Amino acid sequence: QVRFEESGGGLVQTGGSLRLSCTATPSRGSIFFLAWYRQAPGKQRELVARADSEGGSYVVDSVKGRFTVDRTKNTINLHMNNLKPEDTAKYFCQVVPPNDSWGKGTLVTVSS
């Protein structure tokens, strides 16, 4: 079991920036992959970015050049720049592959 606590969402205008932060607390053991997922209204949840415990990171093509991800121990941050209305979603932190213990997420709303 892993507990996730996400923060940092909000309402921004197109072109704005936000930083999301998540702390993961495992009941035991370590976490190799931590990731950010998002779910837009009416759409399926999708992977946005992930970071491993050895310093590796990855962001999906749709946000490459705008979003970066970093991780320190079990805290993962998502730095979002040049936000677009299509980035509007609830953002969740999870392991990869995700388990059933989803946190509350944090809502990002980008106005046009």
C-alpha atoms as a PDB file:
ATOM      1  CA  GLN A   1       0.000   0.000   0.000  1.00  0.00           C
ATOM      2  CA  VAL A   2       1.171   3.478  -0.848  1.00  0.00           C
ATOM      3  CA  ARG A   3      -0.474   6.688   0.290  1.00  0.00           C
ATOM      4  CA  PHE A   4      -0.308   9.684  -2.039  1.00  0.00           C
ATOM      5  CA  GLU A   5      -0.772  13.330  -1.158  1.00  0.00           C
ATOM      6  CA  GLU A   6      -0.938  15.726  -4.107  1.00  0.00           C
ATOM      7  CA  SER A   7      -0.941  19.528  -4.025  1.00  0.00           C
ATOM      8  CA  GLY A   8      -0.343  22.567  -6.161  1.00  0.00           C
ATOM      9  CA  GLY A   9      -3.244  22.684  -8.569  1.00  0.00           C
ATOM     10  CA  GLY A  10      -5.256  25.762  -9.345  1.00  0.00           C
ATOM     11  CA  LEU A  11      -6.744  28.025 -11.973  1.00  0.00           C
ATOM     12  CA  VAL A  12      -4.376  29.648 -14.448  1.00  0.00           C
ATOM     13  CA  GLN A  13      -4.670  31.382 -17.787  1.00  0.00           C
ATOM     14  CA  THR A  14      -3.340  29.935 -21.023  1.00  0.00           C
ATOM     15  CA  GLY A  15       0.425  30.280 -21.042  1.00  0.00           C
ATOM     16  CA  GLY A  16       0.684  30.217 -17.269  1.00  0.00           C
ATOM     17  CA  SER A  17       2.679  27.912 -15.024  1.00  0.00           C
ATOM     18  CA  LEU A  18       2.031  25.679 -12.064  1.00  0.00           C
ATOM     19  CA  ARG A  19       4.075  23.310  -9.965  1.00  0.00           C
ATOM     20  CA  LEU A  20       2.452  20.163  -8.637  1.00  0.00           C
ATOM     21  CA  SER A  21       3.967  18.254  -5.761  1.00  0.00           C
ATOM     22  CA  CYS A  22       3.247  14.805  -4.408  1.00  0.00           C
ATOM     23  CA  THR A  23       4.581  12.872  -1.462  1.00  0.00           C
ATOM     24  CA  ALA A  24       4.210   9.105  -1.569  1.00  0.00           C
ATOM     25  CA  THR A  25       4.307   7.117   1.650  1.00  0.00           C
ATOM     26  CA  PRO A  26       4.724   3.379   1.192  1.00  0.00           C
ATOM     27  CA  SER A  27       3.672   1.040   3.973  1.00  0.00           C
ATOM     28  CA  ARG A  28       6.912  -0.852   3.363  1.00  0.00           C
ATOM     29  CA  GLY A  29       9.736  -1.090   0.863  1.00  0.00           C
ATOM     30  CA  SER A  30      10.855   1.429  -1.696  1.00  0.00           C
ATOM     31  CA  ILE A  31       9.295   2.876  -4.819  1.00  0.00           C
ATOM     32  CA  PHE A  32      11.191   2.706  -8.108  1.00  0.00           C
ATOM     33  CA  PHE A  33       8.818   4.569 -10.435  1.00  0.00           C
ATOM     34  CA  LEU A  34       6.704   7.499  -9.279  1.00  0.00           C
ATOM     35  CA  ALA A  35       4.497   9.127 -11.878  1.00  0.00           C
ATOM     36  CA  TRP A  36       1.950  11.799 -12.597  1.00  0.00           C
ATOM     37  CA  TYR A  37      -1.267  10.819 -14.331  1.00  0.00           C
ATOM     38  CA  ARG A  38      -4.152  13.057 -15.327  1.00  0.00           C
ATOM     39  CA  GLN A  39      -7.794  12.609 -16.102  1.00  0.00           C
ATOM     40  CA  ALA A  40      -9.678  15.199 -18.077  1.00  0.00           C
ATOM     41  CA  PRO A  41     -13.491  15.373 -17.924  1.00  0.00           C
ATOM     42  CA  GLY A  42     -14.982  12.567 -19.980  1.00  0.00           C
ATOM     43  CA  LYS A  43     -11.609  11.034 -20.795  1.00  0.00           C
ATOM     44  CA  GLN A  44      -9.552   8.140 -19.527  1.00  0.00           C
ATOM     45  CA  ARG A  45      -6.730   8.617 -17.105  1.00  0.00           C
ATOM     46  CA  GLU A  46      -3.373   8.951 -18.837  1.00  0.00           C
ATOM     47  CA  LEU A  47       0.291   8.966 -17.901  1.00  0.00           C
ATOM     48  CA  VAL A  48       1.915  12.403 -18.034  1.00  0.00           C
ATOM     49  CA  ALA A  49       5.399  11.903 -16.610  1.00  0.00           C
ATOM     50  CA  ARG A  50       7.399   9.560 -14.448  1.00  0.00           C
ATOM     51  CA  ALA A  51      10.643   9.619 -12.466  1.00  0.00           C
ATOM     52  CA  ASP A  52      12.598   6.693 -11.110  1.00  0.00           C
ATOM     53  CA  SER A  53      14.684   6.406  -7.969  1.00  0.00           C
ATOM     54  CA  GLU A  54      17.944   6.428  -9.974  1.00  0.00           C
ATOM     55  CA  GLY A  55      17.435   9.878 -11.482  1.00  0.00           C
ATOM     56  CA  GLY A  56      15.768   8.919 -14.723  1.00  0.00           C
ATOM     57  CA  SER A  57      12.727  10.800 -15.950  1.00  0.00           C
ATOM     58  CA  TYR A  58      10.264  10.734 -18.827  1.00  0.00           C
ATOM     59  CA  VAL A  59       7.446  12.959 -20.060  1.00  0.00           C
ATOM     60  CA  VAL A  60       4.925  12.057 -22.729  1.00  0.00           C
ATOM     61  CA  ASP A  61       5.146  13.671 -26.149  1.00  0.00           C
ATOM     62  CA  SER A  62       2.053  15.830 -25.669  1.00  0.00           C
ATOM     63  CA  VAL A  63       3.731  17.814 -22.861  1.00  0.00           C
ATOM     64  CA  LYS A  64       7.374  17.545 -23.907  1.00  0.00           C
ATOM     65  CA  GLY A  65       9.041  20.941 -23.929  1.00  0.00           C
ATOM     66  CA  ARG A  66       6.432  22.350 -21.532  1.00  0.00           C
ATOM     67  CA  PHE A  67       6.441  19.998 -18.525  1.00  0.00           C
ATOM     68  CA  THR A  68       9.387  18.675 -16.563  1.00  0.00           C
ATOM     69  CA  VAL A  69       9.449  16.236 -13.673  1.00  0.00           C
ATOM     70  CA  ASP A  70      11.841  15.817 -10.809  1.00  0.00           C
ATOM     71  CA  ARG A  71      11.989  13.626  -7.760  1.00  0.00           C
ATOM     72  CA  THR A  72      13.660  13.663  -4.365  1.00  0.00           C
ATOM     73  CA  LYS A  73      13.208  10.442  -2.420  1.00  0.00           C
ATOM     74  CA  ASN A  74       9.442   9.904  -2.435  1.00  0.00           C
ATOM     75  CA  THR A  75       8.431  13.412  -3.435  1.00  0.00           C
ATOM     76  CA  ILE A  76       7.760  13.990  -7.119  1.00  0.00           C
ATOM     77  CA  ASN A  77       7.208  17.414  -8.635  1.00  0.00           C
ATOM     78  CA  LEU A  78       5.660  18.301 -11.963  1.00  0.00           C
ATOM     79  CA  HIS A  79       6.657  21.680 -13.356  1.00  0.00           C
ATOM     80  CA  MET A  80       4.115  22.809 -15.926  1.00  0.00           C
ATOM     81  CA  ASN A  81       4.831  25.761 -18.177  1.00  0.00           C
ATOM     82  CA  ASN A  82       2.994  27.260 -21.140  1.00  0.00           C
ATOM     83  CA  LEU A  83      -0.204  25.614 -19.990  1.00  0.00           C
ATOM     84  CA  LYS A  84      -2.976  25.060 -22.501  1.00  0.00           C
ATOM     85  CA  PRO A  85      -6.711  24.547 -22.017  1.00  0.00           C
ATOM     86  CA  GLU A  86      -6.255  20.881 -22.992  1.00  0.00           C
ATOM     87  CA  ASP A  87      -4.080  20.441 -19.888  1.00  0.00           C
ATOM     88  CA  THR A  88      -7.189  20.964 -17.764  1.00  0.00           C
ATOM     89  CA  ALA A  89      -7.577  17.794 -15.711  1.00  0.00           C
ATOM     90  CA  LYS A  90      -7.288  16.318 -12.279  1.00  0.00           C
ATOM     91  CA  TYR A  91      -3.699  15.252 -11.731  1.00  0.00           C
ATOM     92  CA  PHE A  92      -2.799  12.220  -9.669  1.00  0.00           C
ATOM     93  CA  CYS A  93       0.427  10.801  -8.341  1.00  0.00           C
ATOM     94  CA  GLN A  94       0.950   7.024  -8.496  1.00  0.00           C
ATOM     95  CA  VAL A  95       3.436   4.261  -8.931  1.00  0.00           C
ATOM     96  CA  VAL A  96       4.065   2.534 -12.256  1.00  0.00           C
ATOM     97  CA  PRO A  97       2.133   0.425 -12.957  1.00  0.00           C
ATOM     98  CA  PRO A  98      -0.572   2.084 -10.872  1.00  0.00           C
ATOM     99  CA  ASN A  99      -2.213   0.265  -8.007  1.00  0.00           C
ATOM    100  CA  ASP A 100      -5.681   0.761  -6.541  1.00  0.00           C
ATOM    101  CA  SER A 101      -4.669   3.317  -3.921  1.00  0.00           C
ATOM    102  CA  TRP A 102      -5.352   6.566  -5.754  1.00  0.00           C
ATOM    103  CA  GLY A 103      -5.126   9.809  -3.823  1.00  0.00           C
ATOM    104  CA  LYS A 104      -7.569  12.691  -4.120  1.00  0.00           C
ATOM    105  CA  GLY A 105      -5.565  14.318  -6.881  1.00  0.00           C
ATOM    106  CA  THR A 106      -5.206  18.009  -7.532  1.00  0.00           C
ATOM    107  CA  LEU A 107      -7.272  19.949 -10.037  1.00  0.00           C
ATOM    108  CA  VAL A 108      -5.632  22.023 -12.748  1.00  0.00           C
ATOM    109  CA  THR A 109      -7.860  24.347 -14.726  1.00  0.00           C
ATOM    110  CA  VAL A 110      -6.455  26.337 -17.630  1.00  0.00           C
ATOM    111  CA  SER A 111      -8.689  29.103 -18.928  1.00  0.00           C
ATOM    112  CA  SER A 112      -8.522  30.290 -22.520  1.00  0.00           C
END
